[in-house]
Amino acid sequence: MKHDRSNRIRELIGQTTVLPVLVIDDAAKAMPLARALADGGLKLIEITLRTPAALSAIAAIVAALPEIVVGAGTVCHAIDARRAHEAGARFAVSPGHSMELGNACAELGLPFLPGVATASEVMAARNDGYEVLKFFPAEAAGGLEMLDALAGPFPDVMFCPTGGINAANAPAYLALSNVLCVGGSWIAPRAEVTAGNWAKLTELAATAARLQRGG
């Protein structure tokens, strides 16, 4: 196997049990949203590159709130990784994996969490040097049973399941021995963000921050 490219991402996401996956439509909401989540105990966040405001939101948080570790999600191409890095993102998350994207992140010094959904994809990512992987879309790809099954042939691989994770099923995922953390958007519903309901978001973050690995 190649040199483990997951050391830095393991150190980062290993600091949390829940990684908020954020879709931000208005960059002006970025800083109050990040503050609300940090006040609840979640200081590691992922902002998906699904909206025109995403890169501006990353840059705004990085500039104003350096204590918060901001990553970019939905990074699908090398240019996405470069733009995210230029905006100040500290790590990159992808729904899938390609050697081109992995190499681009390595060249940028950007810790990378590639996505997988099958055993073949796990093998391909491991061959490229990754031992910490995003399992996506978690619920649609087999959920708890699939992750439990993957633990047998891949005892050295850790996962961050994302996709269909919520407050109800997150504890069951975190109870699995091969789950490092879970990612989800339930912590910051878009309707609450749009409404600027920061107290509610802090409450959701605090509840999520109390979740522990091992159940």
N, C-alpha and C. Protein backbone atom coordinates (compact mmCIF):
# COMPACT_ATOMS: atom_id res chain seq x y z
N MET A 1 0.84 -1.19 0.00
CA MET A 1 0.00 0.00 0.00
C MET A 1 0.88 1.25 0.00
N LYS A 2 0.40 2.31 -0.66
CA LYS A 2 1.13 3.55 -0.70
C LYS A 2 1.13 4.21 0.69
N HIS A 3 1.95 5.24 0.80
CA HIS A 3 2.00 6.01 2.05
C HIS A 3 0.59 6.47 2.43
N ASP A 4 0.27 6.35 3.70
CA ASP A 4 -1.06 6.72 4.18
C ASP A 4 -1.28 8.22 4.02
N ARG A 5 -2.21 8.58 3.14
CA ARG A 5 -2.53 9.98 2.91
C ARG A 5 -3.60 10.48 3.88
N SER A 6 -4.04 9.62 4.78
CA SER A 6 -5.15 9.98 5.66
C SER A 6 -4.73 10.49 7.03
N ASN A 7 -3.42 10.58 7.27
CA ASN A 7 -2.97 10.98 8.61
C ASN A 7 -3.56 12.31 9.04
N ARG A 8 -3.51 13.31 8.17
CA ARG A 8 -3.96 14.65 8.57
C ARG A 8 -5.47 14.74 8.68
N ILE A 9 -6.19 14.08 7.79
CA ILE A 9 -7.65 14.12 7.90
C ILE A 9 -8.10 13.34 9.13
N ARG A 10 -7.38 12.29 9.47
CA ARG A 10 -7.70 11.53 10.69
C ARG A 10 -7.53 12.42 11.92
N GLU A 11 -6.47 13.20 11.94
CA GLU A 11 -6.23 14.10 13.07
C GLU A 11 -7.33 15.16 13.17
N LEU A 12 -7.77 15.67 12.03
CA LEU A 12 -8.79 16.71 12.04
C LEU A 12 -10.15 16.19 12.46
N ILE A 13 -10.69 15.24 11.70
CA ILE A 13 -12.06 14.81 12.00
C ILE A 13 -12.12 13.90 13.22
N GLY A 14 -10.95 13.41 13.63
CA GLY A 14 -10.92 12.63 14.85
C GLY A 14 -11.17 13.46 16.10
N GLN A 15 -11.17 14.80 15.92
CA GLN A 15 -11.42 15.70 17.05
C GLN A 15 -12.91 15.83 17.36
N THR A 16 -13.75 15.32 16.48
CA THR A 16 -15.19 15.48 16.67
C THR A 16 -15.89 14.16 16.45
N THR A 17 -17.13 14.06 16.89
CA THR A 17 -17.94 12.89 16.58
C THR A 17 -18.99 13.22 15.53
N VAL A 18 -19.28 14.51 15.38
CA VAL A 18 -20.28 14.95 14.40
C VAL A 18 -19.70 16.10 13.57
N LEU A 19 -19.73 15.93 12.25
CA LEU A 19 -19.26 16.94 11.33
C LEU A 19 -20.48 17.58 10.64
N PRO A 20 -20.81 18.82 10.98
CA PRO A 20 -21.93 19.48 10.32
C PRO A 20 -21.67 19.66 8.83
N VAL A 21 -22.61 19.25 8.02
CA VAL A 21 -22.51 19.42 6.57
C VAL A 21 -23.46 20.55 6.19
N LEU A 22 -22.90 21.68 5.79
CA LEU A 22 -23.67 22.91 5.64
C LEU A 22 -23.86 23.31 4.17
N VAL A 23 -25.08 23.67 3.83
CA VAL A 23 -25.39 24.25 2.53
C VAL A 23 -25.78 25.70 2.79
N ILE A 24 -24.95 26.64 2.34
CA ILE A 24 -25.16 28.06 2.64
C ILE A 24 -25.56 28.80 1.37
N ASP A 25 -26.75 29.37 1.40
CA ASP A 25 -27.27 30.11 0.24
C ASP A 25 -26.88 31.58 0.26
N ASP A 26 -26.60 32.10 1.45
CA ASP A 26 -26.30 33.52 1.62
C ASP A 26 -25.04 33.65 2.45
N ALA A 27 -23.97 34.17 1.84
CA ALA A 27 -22.69 34.28 2.55
C ALA A 27 -22.79 35.14 3.80
N ALA A 28 -23.76 36.04 3.86
CA ALA A 28 -23.94 36.88 5.04
C ALA A 28 -24.37 36.07 6.25
N LYS A 29 -24.89 34.89 6.02
CA LYS A 29 -25.33 34.02 7.11
C LYS A 29 -24.18 33.15 7.64
N ALA A 30 -23.06 33.16 6.94
CA ALA A 30 -21.98 32.22 7.26
C ALA A 30 -21.42 32.42 8.66
N MET A 31 -21.05 33.65 9.00
CA MET A 31 -20.42 33.89 10.30
C MET A 31 -21.37 33.64 11.47
N PRO A 32 -22.61 34.16 11.45
CA PRO A 32 -23.49 33.85 12.57
C PRO A 32 -23.81 32.36 12.68
N LEU A 33 -23.88 31.67 11.54
CA LEU A 33 -24.11 30.23 11.58
C LEU A 33 -22.93 29.52 12.23
N ALA A 34 -21.72 29.86 11.80
CA ALA A 34 -20.52 29.23 12.38
C ALA A 34 -20.42 29.52 13.87
N ARG A 35 -20.74 30.75 14.27
CA ARG A 35 -20.70 31.10 15.70
C ARG A 35 -21.72 30.27 16.48
N ALA A 36 -22.91 30.12 15.93
CA ALA A 36 -23.95 29.36 16.60
C ALA A 36 -23.53 27.91 16.82
N LEU A 37 -22.92 27.31 15.80
CA LEU A 37 -22.47 25.93 15.92
C LEU A 37 -21.31 25.82 16.91
N ALA A 38 -20.39 26.79 16.86
CA ALA A 38 -19.26 26.77 17.80
C ALA A 38 -19.73 26.95 19.23
N ASP A 39 -20.74 27.80 19.43
CA ASP A 39 -21.29 28.00 20.78
C ASP A 39 -21.90 26.70 21.31
N GLY A 40 -22.35 25.85 20.40
CA GLY A 40 -22.90 24.56 20.81
C GLY A 40 -21.84 23.47 20.95
N GLY A 41 -20.59 23.80 20.61
CA GLY A 41 -19.50 22.85 20.79
C GLY A 41 -18.98 22.21 19.53
N LEU A 42 -19.46 22.64 18.35
CA LEU A 42 -18.99 22.08 17.08
C LEU A 42 -18.15 23.12 16.35
N LYS A 43 -16.83 22.94 16.37
CA LYS A 43 -15.92 23.91 15.77
C LYS A 43 -15.23 23.38 14.53
N LEU A 44 -15.67 22.23 14.04
CA LEU A 44 -15.17 21.66 12.80
C LEU A 44 -16.38 21.52 11.88
N ILE A 45 -16.37 22.22 10.74
CA ILE A 45 -17.55 22.24 9.88
C ILE A 45 -17.16 22.01 8.42
N GLU A 46 -18.11 21.53 7.66
CA GLU A 46 -17.94 21.34 6.22
C GLU A 46 -18.97 22.19 5.49
N ILE A 47 -18.50 23.03 4.58
CA ILE A 47 -19.40 23.83 3.75
C ILE A 47 -19.37 23.25 2.34
N THR A 48 -20.50 22.78 1.86
CA THR A 48 -20.54 22.14 0.56
C THR A 48 -20.49 23.17 -0.56
N LEU A 49 -19.81 22.80 -1.64
CA LEU A 49 -19.69 23.69 -2.79
C LEU A 49 -20.89 23.49 -3.72
N ARG A 50 -22.07 23.58 -3.14
CA ARG A 50 -23.30 23.36 -3.91
C ARG A 50 -24.02 24.65 -4.25
N THR A 51 -23.54 25.77 -3.72
CA THR A 51 -24.20 27.05 -3.98
C THR A 51 -23.15 28.08 -4.40
N PRO A 52 -23.58 29.13 -5.09
CA PRO A 52 -22.64 30.18 -5.48
C PRO A 52 -22.01 30.89 -4.29
N ALA A 53 -22.66 30.81 -3.13
CA ALA A 53 -22.16 31.52 -1.95
C ALA A 53 -21.11 30.73 -1.18
N ALA A 54 -20.88 29.48 -1.54
CA ALA A 54 -20.06 28.59 -0.71
C ALA A 54 -18.64 29.10 -0.48
N LEU A 55 -17.94 29.47 -1.54
CA LEU A 55 -16.55 29.89 -1.39
C LEU A 55 -16.44 31.19 -0.60
N SER A 56 -17.37 32.12 -0.83
CA SER A 56 -17.38 33.35 -0.05
C SER A 56 -17.66 33.07 1.41
N ALA A 57 -18.53 32.11 1.68
CA ALA A 57 -18.84 31.74 3.06
C ALA A 57 -17.62 31.16 3.75
N ILE A 58 -16.88 30.30 3.05
CA ILE A 58 -15.65 29.73 3.62
C ILE A 58 -14.67 30.84 3.95
N ALA A 59 -14.45 31.74 3.00
CA ALA A 59 -13.49 32.82 3.20
C ALA A 59 -13.90 33.73 4.36
N ALA A 60 -15.18 34.01 4.49
CA ALA A 60 -15.65 34.89 5.56
C ALA A 60 -15.41 34.28 6.93
N ILE A 61 -15.70 32.99 7.07
CA ILE A 61 -15.51 32.33 8.36
C ILE A 61 -14.03 32.23 8.70
N VAL A 62 -13.22 31.86 7.72
CA VAL A 62 -11.78 31.73 7.94
C VAL A 62 -11.18 33.05 8.40
N ALA A 63 -11.62 34.15 7.80
CA ALA A 63 -11.07 35.47 8.13
C ALA A 63 -11.50 35.95 9.51
N ALA A 64 -12.75 35.68 9.87
CA ALA A 64 -13.30 36.26 11.11
C ALA A 64 -13.25 35.33 12.31
N LEU A 65 -13.26 34.03 12.06
CA LEU A 65 -13.34 33.06 13.15
C LEU A 65 -12.27 31.98 12.99
N PRO A 66 -11.01 32.33 13.21
CA PRO A 66 -9.91 31.39 12.98
C PRO A 66 -9.95 30.16 13.89
N GLU A 67 -10.71 30.22 14.98
CA GLU A 67 -10.78 29.05 15.87
C GLU A 67 -11.65 27.95 15.29
N ILE A 68 -12.39 28.24 14.23
CA ILE A 68 -13.24 27.25 13.60
C ILE A 68 -12.51 26.64 12.41
N VAL A 69 -12.48 25.33 12.33
CA VAL A 69 -11.82 24.63 11.23
C VAL A 69 -12.86 24.39 10.14
N VAL A 70 -12.65 25.02 9.00
CA VAL A 70 -13.63 24.97 7.91
C VAL A 70 -13.09 24.10 6.77
N GLY A 71 -13.91 23.15 6.36
CA GLY A 71 -13.58 22.32 5.22
C GLY A 71 -14.56 22.56 4.09
N ALA A 72 -14.18 22.16 2.89
CA ALA A 72 -15.05 22.27 1.72
C ALA A 72 -15.58 20.90 1.35
N GLY A 73 -16.89 20.82 1.14
CA GLY A 73 -17.50 19.56 0.72
C GLY A 73 -17.94 19.63 -0.73
N THR A 74 -18.37 18.49 -1.25
CA THR A 74 -18.76 18.36 -2.66
C THR A 74 -17.63 18.82 -3.57
N VAL A 75 -16.41 18.46 -3.19
CA VAL A 75 -15.23 18.74 -4.01
C VAL A 75 -15.11 17.58 -5.01
N CYS A 76 -15.38 17.86 -6.27
CA CYS A 76 -15.44 16.80 -7.27
C CYS A 76 -14.34 16.86 -8.32
N HIS A 77 -13.69 18.03 -8.45
CA HIS A 77 -12.67 18.21 -9.47
C HIS A 77 -11.46 18.93 -8.87
N ALA A 78 -10.34 18.83 -9.56
CA ALA A 78 -9.12 19.49 -9.08
C ALA A 78 -9.33 20.99 -8.93
N ILE A 79 -10.08 21.60 -9.83
CA ILE A 79 -10.32 23.05 -9.74
C ILE A 79 -11.12 23.39 -8.49
N ASP A 80 -12.03 22.49 -8.09
CA ASP A 80 -12.76 22.70 -6.84
C ASP A 80 -11.81 22.76 -5.66
N ALA A 81 -10.86 21.82 -5.65
CA ALA A 81 -9.88 21.77 -4.55
C ALA A 81 -9.04 23.05 -4.52
N ARG A 82 -8.62 23.52 -5.69
CA ARG A 82 -7.80 24.74 -5.73
C ARG A 82 -8.59 25.95 -5.24
N ARG A 83 -9.81 26.07 -5.69
CA ARG A 83 -10.63 27.21 -5.27
C ARG A 83 -10.93 27.16 -3.77
N ALA A 84 -11.20 25.97 -3.27
CA ALA A 84 -11.46 25.83 -1.84
C ALA A 84 -10.22 26.19 -1.03
N HIS A 85 -9.07 25.73 -1.49
CA HIS A 85 -7.81 26.04 -0.81
C HIS A 85 -7.55 27.54 -0.82
N GLU A 86 -7.78 28.19 -1.94
CA GLU A 86 -7.59 29.63 -2.05
C GLU A 86 -8.53 30.39 -1.11
N ALA A 87 -9.73 29.83 -0.87
CA ALA A 87 -10.69 30.47 0.02
C ALA A 87 -10.33 30.27 1.49
N GLY A 88 -9.40 29.35 1.75
CA GLY A 88 -8.95 29.12 3.12
C GLY A 88 -9.43 27.82 3.74
N ALA A 89 -10.05 26.96 2.94
CA ALA A 89 -10.50 25.68 3.49
C ALA A 89 -9.33 24.88 4.03
N ARG A 90 -9.56 24.20 5.17
CA ARG A 90 -8.50 23.43 5.83
C ARG A 90 -8.52 21.97 5.43
N PHE A 91 -9.61 21.51 4.80
CA PHE A 91 -9.68 20.14 4.31
C PHE A 91 -10.74 20.06 3.22
N ALA A 92 -10.72 18.96 2.48
CA ALA A 92 -11.66 18.77 1.38
C ALA A 92 -12.37 17.44 1.53
N VAL A 93 -13.65 17.43 1.20
CA VAL A 93 -14.48 16.22 1.28
C VAL A 93 -15.14 16.02 -0.08
N SER A 94 -15.13 14.79 -0.57
CA SER A 94 -15.72 14.50 -1.87
C SER A 94 -16.75 13.38 -1.75
N PRO A 95 -17.80 13.40 -2.59
CA PRO A 95 -18.75 12.28 -2.59
C PRO A 95 -18.16 11.01 -3.17
N GLY A 96 -17.04 11.15 -3.91
CA GLY A 96 -16.40 10.00 -4.52
C GLY A 96 -14.88 10.14 -4.46
N HIS A 97 -14.20 9.40 -5.31
CA HIS A 97 -12.74 9.45 -5.30
C HIS A 97 -12.20 9.27 -6.71
N SER A 98 -11.20 10.08 -7.04
CA SER A 98 -10.44 9.89 -8.27
C SER A 98 -8.98 10.17 -7.95
N MET A 99 -8.09 9.51 -8.67
CA MET A 99 -6.67 9.73 -8.45
C MET A 99 -6.30 11.19 -8.74
N GLU A 100 -6.91 11.76 -9.78
CA GLU A 100 -6.64 13.15 -10.14
C GLU A 100 -6.97 14.10 -8.99
N LEU A 101 -8.12 13.90 -8.37
CA LEU A 101 -8.53 14.77 -7.27
C LEU A 101 -7.63 14.55 -6.05
N GLY A 102 -7.34 13.30 -5.75
CA GLY A 102 -6.46 13.00 -4.63
C GLY A 102 -5.08 13.62 -4.80
N ASN A 103 -4.54 13.53 -6.02
CA ASN A 103 -3.23 14.12 -6.28
C ASN A 103 -3.26 15.64 -6.18
N ALA A 104 -4.37 16.24 -6.64
CA ALA A 104 -4.49 17.70 -6.56
C ALA A 104 -4.49 18.15 -5.11
N CYS A 105 -5.23 17.44 -4.27
CA CYS A 105 -5.27 17.80 -2.85
C CYS A 105 -3.90 17.61 -2.20
N ALA A 106 -3.21 16.54 -2.58
CA ALA A 106 -1.88 16.29 -2.03
C ALA A 106 -0.91 17.40 -2.41
N GLU A 107 -0.98 17.85 -3.65
CA GLU A 107 -0.10 18.93 -4.12
C GLU A 107 -0.37 20.24 -3.39
N LEU A 108 -1.63 20.44 -3.03
CA LEU A 108 -2.02 21.65 -2.31
C LEU A 108 -1.76 21.56 -0.81
N GLY A 109 -1.45 20.35 -0.34
CA GLY A 109 -1.31 20.14 1.10
C GLY A 109 -2.65 20.19 1.80
N LEU A 110 -3.70 19.81 1.09
CA LEU A 110 -5.06 19.89 1.60
C LEU A 110 -5.52 18.50 2.03
N PRO A 111 -5.72 18.26 3.32
CA PRO A 111 -6.19 16.95 3.77
C PRO A 111 -7.49 16.58 3.05
N PHE A 112 -7.60 15.33 2.62
CA PHE A 112 -8.67 14.92 1.73
C PHE A 112 -9.42 13.71 2.29
N LEU A 113 -10.76 13.82 2.29
CA LEU A 113 -11.64 12.73 2.70
C LEU A 113 -12.42 12.28 1.48
N PRO A 114 -11.97 11.22 0.80
CA PRO A 114 -12.68 10.75 -0.39
C PRO A 114 -13.89 9.90 -0.03
N GLY A 115 -14.86 9.88 -0.93
CA GLY A 115 -16.07 9.12 -0.68
C GLY A 115 -16.08 7.77 -1.36
N VAL A 116 -16.70 6.79 -0.71
CA VAL A 116 -16.86 5.45 -1.26
C VAL A 116 -18.24 4.92 -0.90
N ALA A 117 -18.70 3.94 -1.68
CA ALA A 117 -20.00 3.32 -1.38
C ALA A 117 -19.96 1.81 -1.50
N THR A 118 -18.86 1.25 -2.03
CA THR A 118 -18.77 -0.19 -2.25
C THR A 118 -17.40 -0.71 -1.83
N ALA A 119 -17.29 -2.04 -1.72
CA ALA A 119 -16.01 -2.66 -1.36
C ALA A 119 -14.96 -2.38 -2.42
N SER A 120 -15.34 -2.40 -3.69
CA SER A 120 -14.38 -2.12 -4.77
C SER A 120 -13.84 -0.71 -4.65
N GLU A 121 -14.70 0.25 -4.29
CA GLU A 121 -14.25 1.63 -4.14
C GLU A 121 -13.33 1.78 -2.93
N VAL A 122 -13.62 1.04 -1.87
CA VAL A 122 -12.72 1.06 -0.71
C VAL A 122 -11.34 0.56 -1.12
N MET A 123 -11.31 -0.54 -1.89
CA MET A 123 -10.03 -1.09 -2.33
C MET A 123 -9.26 -0.10 -3.20
N ALA A 124 -9.97 0.59 -4.08
CA ALA A 124 -9.31 1.57 -4.96
C ALA A 124 -8.75 2.73 -4.14
N ALA A 125 -9.52 3.21 -3.18
CA ALA A 125 -9.06 4.33 -2.35
C ALA A 125 -7.87 3.90 -1.48
N ARG A 126 -7.93 2.69 -0.93
CA ARG A 126 -6.80 2.19 -0.13
C ARG A 126 -5.55 2.07 -0.99
N ASN A 127 -5.72 1.63 -2.21
CA ASN A 127 -4.58 1.49 -3.12
C ASN A 127 -3.92 2.84 -3.41
N ASP A 128 -4.72 3.91 -3.33
CA ASP A 128 -4.19 5.25 -3.54
C ASP A 128 -3.70 5.89 -2.24
N GLY A 129 -3.77 5.13 -1.15
CA GLY A 129 -3.17 5.60 0.10
C GLY A 129 -4.12 6.15 1.14
N TYR A 130 -5.44 5.91 0.98
CA TYR A 130 -6.42 6.47 1.93
C TYR A 130 -7.01 5.38 2.82
N GLU A 131 -6.97 5.64 4.12
CA GLU A 131 -7.50 4.69 5.10
C GLU A 131 -8.61 5.30 5.95
N VAL A 132 -8.92 6.57 5.72
CA VAL A 132 -10.08 7.22 6.33
C VAL A 132 -10.94 7.71 5.18
N LEU A 133 -12.18 7.21 5.12
CA LEU A 133 -13.03 7.44 3.96
C LEU A 133 -14.42 7.92 4.37
N LYS A 134 -15.02 8.71 3.50
CA LYS A 134 -16.42 9.07 3.66
C LYS A 134 -17.26 7.93 3.08
N PHE A 135 -18.26 7.47 3.82
CA PHE A 135 -19.18 6.46 3.30
C PHE A 135 -20.45 7.18 2.89
N PHE A 136 -20.68 7.24 1.57
CA PHE A 136 -21.76 8.07 1.03
C PHE A 136 -22.37 7.42 -0.21
N PRO A 137 -23.69 7.49 -0.36
CA PRO A 137 -24.69 7.98 0.60
C PRO A 137 -25.02 6.89 1.61
N ALA A 138 -24.74 7.13 2.85
CA ALA A 138 -24.72 6.07 3.86
C ALA A 138 -25.99 5.23 3.91
N GLU A 139 -27.13 5.85 4.12
CA GLU A 139 -28.36 5.08 4.26
C GLU A 139 -28.72 4.37 2.95
N ALA A 140 -28.59 5.05 1.83
CA ALA A 140 -28.93 4.46 0.54
C ALA A 140 -27.97 3.35 0.13
N ALA A 141 -26.72 3.41 0.64
CA ALA A 141 -25.70 2.42 0.26
C ALA A 141 -25.64 1.23 1.20
N GLY A 142 -26.60 1.08 2.08
CA GLY A 142 -26.62 -0.10 2.95
C GLY A 142 -26.53 0.21 4.42
N GLY A 143 -26.23 1.46 4.75
CA GLY A 143 -26.28 1.89 6.14
C GLY A 143 -25.42 1.10 7.11
N LEU A 144 -25.98 0.85 8.27
CA LEU A 144 -25.27 0.18 9.35
C LEU A 144 -24.79 -1.20 8.95
N GLU A 145 -25.64 -1.96 8.26
CA GLU A 145 -25.29 -3.33 7.88
C GLU A 145 -24.11 -3.34 6.91
N MET A 146 -24.09 -2.39 5.98
CA MET A 146 -22.99 -2.33 5.03
C MET A 146 -21.68 -1.98 5.72
N LEU A 147 -21.71 -1.00 6.59
CA LEU A 147 -20.49 -0.61 7.31
C LEU A 147 -19.98 -1.75 8.18
N ASP A 148 -20.90 -2.45 8.84
CA ASP A 148 -20.51 -3.59 9.67
C ASP A 148 -19.86 -4.67 8.81
N ALA A 149 -20.41 -4.88 7.62
CA ALA A 149 -19.85 -5.89 6.72
C ALA A 149 -18.47 -5.49 6.21
N LEU A 150 -18.26 -4.20 5.97
CA LEU A 150 -16.96 -3.73 5.47
C LEU A 150 -15.86 -3.85 6.52
N ALA A 151 -16.24 -3.90 7.78
CA ALA A 151 -15.24 -3.98 8.86
C ALA A 151 -14.43 -5.27 8.77
N GLY A 152 -15.04 -6.35 8.29
CA GLY A 152 -14.35 -7.63 8.20
C GLY A 152 -13.16 -7.60 7.26
N PRO A 153 -13.36 -7.32 5.97
CA PRO A 153 -12.24 -7.33 5.03
C PRO A 153 -11.33 -6.11 5.12
N PHE A 154 -11.82 -5.03 5.75
CA PHE A 154 -11.03 -3.79 5.82
C PHE A 154 -10.90 -3.31 7.26
N PRO A 155 -10.23 -4.08 8.12
CA PRO A 155 -10.15 -3.71 9.54
C PRO A 155 -9.34 -2.44 9.79
N ASP A 156 -8.55 -2.02 8.81
CA ASP A 156 -7.70 -0.85 8.97
C ASP A 156 -8.35 0.44 8.48
N VAL A 157 -9.56 0.34 7.94
CA VAL A 157 -10.22 1.51 7.35
C VAL A 157 -11.25 2.08 8.30
N MET A 158 -11.24 3.40 8.45
CA MET A 158 -12.23 4.10 9.26
C MET A 158 -13.11 4.94 8.35
N PHE A 159 -14.36 5.13 8.77
CA PHE A 159 -15.33 5.82 7.92
C PHE A 159 -15.99 6.99 8.62
N CYS A 160 -16.39 7.96 7.79
CA CYS A 160 -17.29 9.03 8.22
C CYS A 160 -18.54 8.90 7.36
N PRO A 161 -19.56 8.20 7.84
CA PRO A 161 -20.78 8.05 7.06
C PRO A 161 -21.56 9.36 6.97
N THR A 162 -22.04 9.65 5.78
CA THR A 162 -22.82 10.87 5.51
C THR A 162 -23.89 10.52 4.49
N GLY A 163 -25.05 11.13 4.65
CA GLY A 163 -26.15 10.87 3.72
C GLY A 163 -27.25 10.09 4.40
N GLY A 164 -28.25 10.79 4.89
CA GLY A 164 -29.33 10.13 5.61
C GLY A 164 -29.07 9.99 7.09
N ILE A 165 -27.97 10.55 7.58
CA ILE A 165 -27.69 10.51 9.02
C ILE A 165 -28.51 11.60 9.70
N ASN A 166 -29.08 11.27 10.85
CA ASN A 166 -29.89 12.23 11.58
C ASN A 166 -29.74 12.00 13.08
N ALA A 167 -30.44 12.78 13.86
CA ALA A 167 -30.31 12.69 15.31
C ALA A 167 -30.73 11.32 15.83
N ALA A 168 -31.65 10.68 15.14
CA ALA A 168 -32.16 9.38 15.61
C ALA A 168 -31.19 8.24 15.35
N ASN A 169 -30.54 8.23 14.17
CA ASN A 169 -29.68 7.08 13.84
C ASN A 169 -28.19 7.33 14.06
N ALA A 170 -27.80 8.57 14.32
CA ALA A 170 -26.37 8.87 14.53
C ALA A 170 -25.74 8.03 15.64
N PRO A 171 -26.40 7.83 16.80
CA PRO A 171 -25.77 7.02 17.85
C PRO A 171 -25.47 5.59 17.40
N ALA A 172 -26.33 5.00 16.58
CA ALA A 172 -26.09 3.63 16.11
C ALA A 172 -24.87 3.57 15.19
N TYR A 173 -24.70 4.59 14.36
CA TYR A 173 -23.51 4.64 13.50
C TYR A 173 -22.25 4.80 14.35
N LEU A 174 -22.31 5.69 15.32
CA LEU A 174 -21.13 5.95 16.16
C LEU A 174 -20.76 4.75 17.03
N ALA A 175 -21.70 3.83 17.21
CA ALA A 175 -21.42 2.63 17.99
C ALA A 175 -20.56 1.63 17.23
N LEU A 176 -20.48 1.77 15.90
CA LEU A 176 -19.68 0.84 15.09
C LEU A 176 -18.19 1.12 15.28
N SER A 177 -17.41 0.06 15.35
CA SER A 177 -15.97 0.19 15.62
C SER A 177 -15.21 0.87 14.49
N ASN A 178 -15.75 0.85 13.27
CA ASN A 178 -15.04 1.44 12.14
C ASN A 178 -15.57 2.81 11.75
N VAL A 179 -16.33 3.44 12.63
CA VAL A 179 -16.84 4.79 12.37
C VAL A 179 -16.07 5.79 13.24
N LEU A 180 -15.41 6.73 12.57
CA LEU A 180 -14.63 7.75 13.27
C LEU A 180 -15.51 8.92 13.70
N CYS A 181 -16.42 9.31 12.81
CA CYS A 181 -17.39 10.35 13.10
C CYS A 181 -18.51 10.24 12.09
N VAL A 182 -19.56 11.00 12.27
CA VAL A 182 -20.65 11.02 11.30
C VAL A 182 -20.81 12.45 10.77
N GLY A 183 -21.30 12.56 9.55
CA GLY A 183 -21.55 13.87 8.97
C GLY A 183 -23.03 14.01 8.67
N GLY A 184 -23.54 15.22 8.86
CA GLY A 184 -24.96 15.39 8.59
C GLY A 184 -25.39 16.83 8.53
N SER A 185 -26.52 17.04 7.86
CA SER A 185 -27.08 18.38 7.72
C SER A 185 -28.19 18.65 8.72
N TRP A 186 -28.55 17.63 9.53
CA TRP A 186 -29.65 17.83 10.46
C TRP A 186 -29.34 18.88 11.52
N ILE A 187 -28.06 19.14 11.74
CA ILE A 187 -27.65 20.10 12.76
C ILE A 187 -27.98 21.53 12.33
N ALA A 188 -28.03 21.77 11.03
CA ALA A 188 -28.27 23.13 10.52
C ALA A 188 -29.27 23.09 9.37
N PRO A 189 -30.53 22.84 9.66
CA PRO A 189 -31.55 22.83 8.60
C PRO A 189 -31.58 24.16 7.86
N ARG A 190 -31.71 24.10 6.55
CA ARG A 190 -31.65 25.32 5.75
C ARG A 190 -32.73 26.32 6.16
N ALA A 191 -33.90 25.82 6.55
CA ALA A 191 -34.98 26.73 6.95
C ALA A 191 -34.60 27.53 8.19
N GLU A 192 -33.92 26.88 9.14
CA GLU A 192 -33.49 27.57 10.36
C GLU A 192 -32.39 28.58 10.06
N VAL A 193 -31.50 28.21 9.14
CA VAL A 193 -30.42 29.14 8.75
C VAL A 193 -31.01 30.36 8.05
N THR A 194 -31.93 30.12 7.13
CA THR A 194 -32.56 31.22 6.40
C THR A 194 -33.28 32.17 7.36
N ALA A 195 -33.92 31.58 8.37
CA ALA A 195 -34.66 32.39 9.34
C ALA A 195 -33.75 33.06 10.36
N GLY A 196 -32.47 32.67 10.39
CA GLY A 196 -31.55 33.25 11.36
C GLY A 196 -31.85 32.83 12.78
N ASN A 197 -32.32 31.61 12.93
CA ASN A 197 -32.68 31.10 14.27
C ASN A 197 -31.43 30.52 14.93
N TRP A 198 -30.53 31.40 15.31
CA TRP A 198 -29.21 30.96 15.80
C TRP A 198 -29.31 30.23 17.13
N ALA A 199 -30.22 30.62 18.00
CA ALA A 199 -30.37 29.93 19.29
C ALA A 199 -30.78 28.48 19.09
N LYS A 200 -31.67 28.24 18.15
CA LYS A 200 -32.10 26.88 17.84
C LYS A 200 -30.94 26.07 17.28
N LEU A 201 -30.13 26.67 16.43
CA LEU A 201 -29.00 25.98 15.84
C LEU A 201 -27.94 25.66 16.90
N THR A 202 -27.74 26.56 17.85
CA THR A 202 -26.81 26.28 18.95
C THR A 202 -27.32 25.09 19.77
N GLU A 203 -28.61 25.05 19.98
CA GLU A 203 -29.21 23.94 20.73
C GLU A 203 -29.01 22.61 19.99
N LEU A 204 -29.23 22.61 18.68
CA LEU A 204 -29.03 21.39 17.89
C LEU A 204 -27.56 20.96 17.91
N ALA A 205 -26.66 21.94 17.82
CA ALA A 205 -25.23 21.64 17.85
C ALA A 205 -24.83 21.06 19.20
N ALA A 206 -25.34 21.62 20.27
CA ALA A 206 -25.00 21.14 21.62
C ALA A 206 -25.45 19.70 21.81
N THR A 207 -26.63 19.38 21.31
CA THR A 207 -27.12 18.00 21.41
C THR A 207 -26.22 17.05 20.63
N ALA A 208 -25.83 17.47 19.42
CA ALA A 208 -24.96 16.64 18.59
C ALA A 208 -23.58 16.49 19.22
N ALA A 209 -23.07 17.56 19.81
CA ALA A 209 -21.73 17.52 20.41
C ALA A 209 -21.63 16.57 21.59
N ARG A 210 -22.77 16.26 22.19
CA ARG A 210 -22.76 15.33 23.33
C ARG A 210 -22.71 13.86 22.91
N LEU A 211 -22.90 13.59 21.62
CA LEU A 211 -22.82 12.21 21.14
C LEU A 211 -21.39 11.68 21.29
N GLN A 212 -21.28 10.41 21.61
CA GLN A 212 -19.98 9.80 21.84
C GLN A 212 -19.80 8.58 20.95
N ARG A 213 -18.56 8.30 20.60
CA ARG A 213 -18.27 7.05 19.89
C ARG A 213 -18.53 5.87 20.81
N GLY A 214 -18.91 4.78 20.24
CA GLY A 214 -19.15 3.59 21.05
C GLY A 214 -20.56 3.51 21.58
N GLY A 215 -21.43 4.41 21.07
CA GLY A 215 -22.84 4.32 21.43
C GLY A 215 -23.24 5.35 22.35
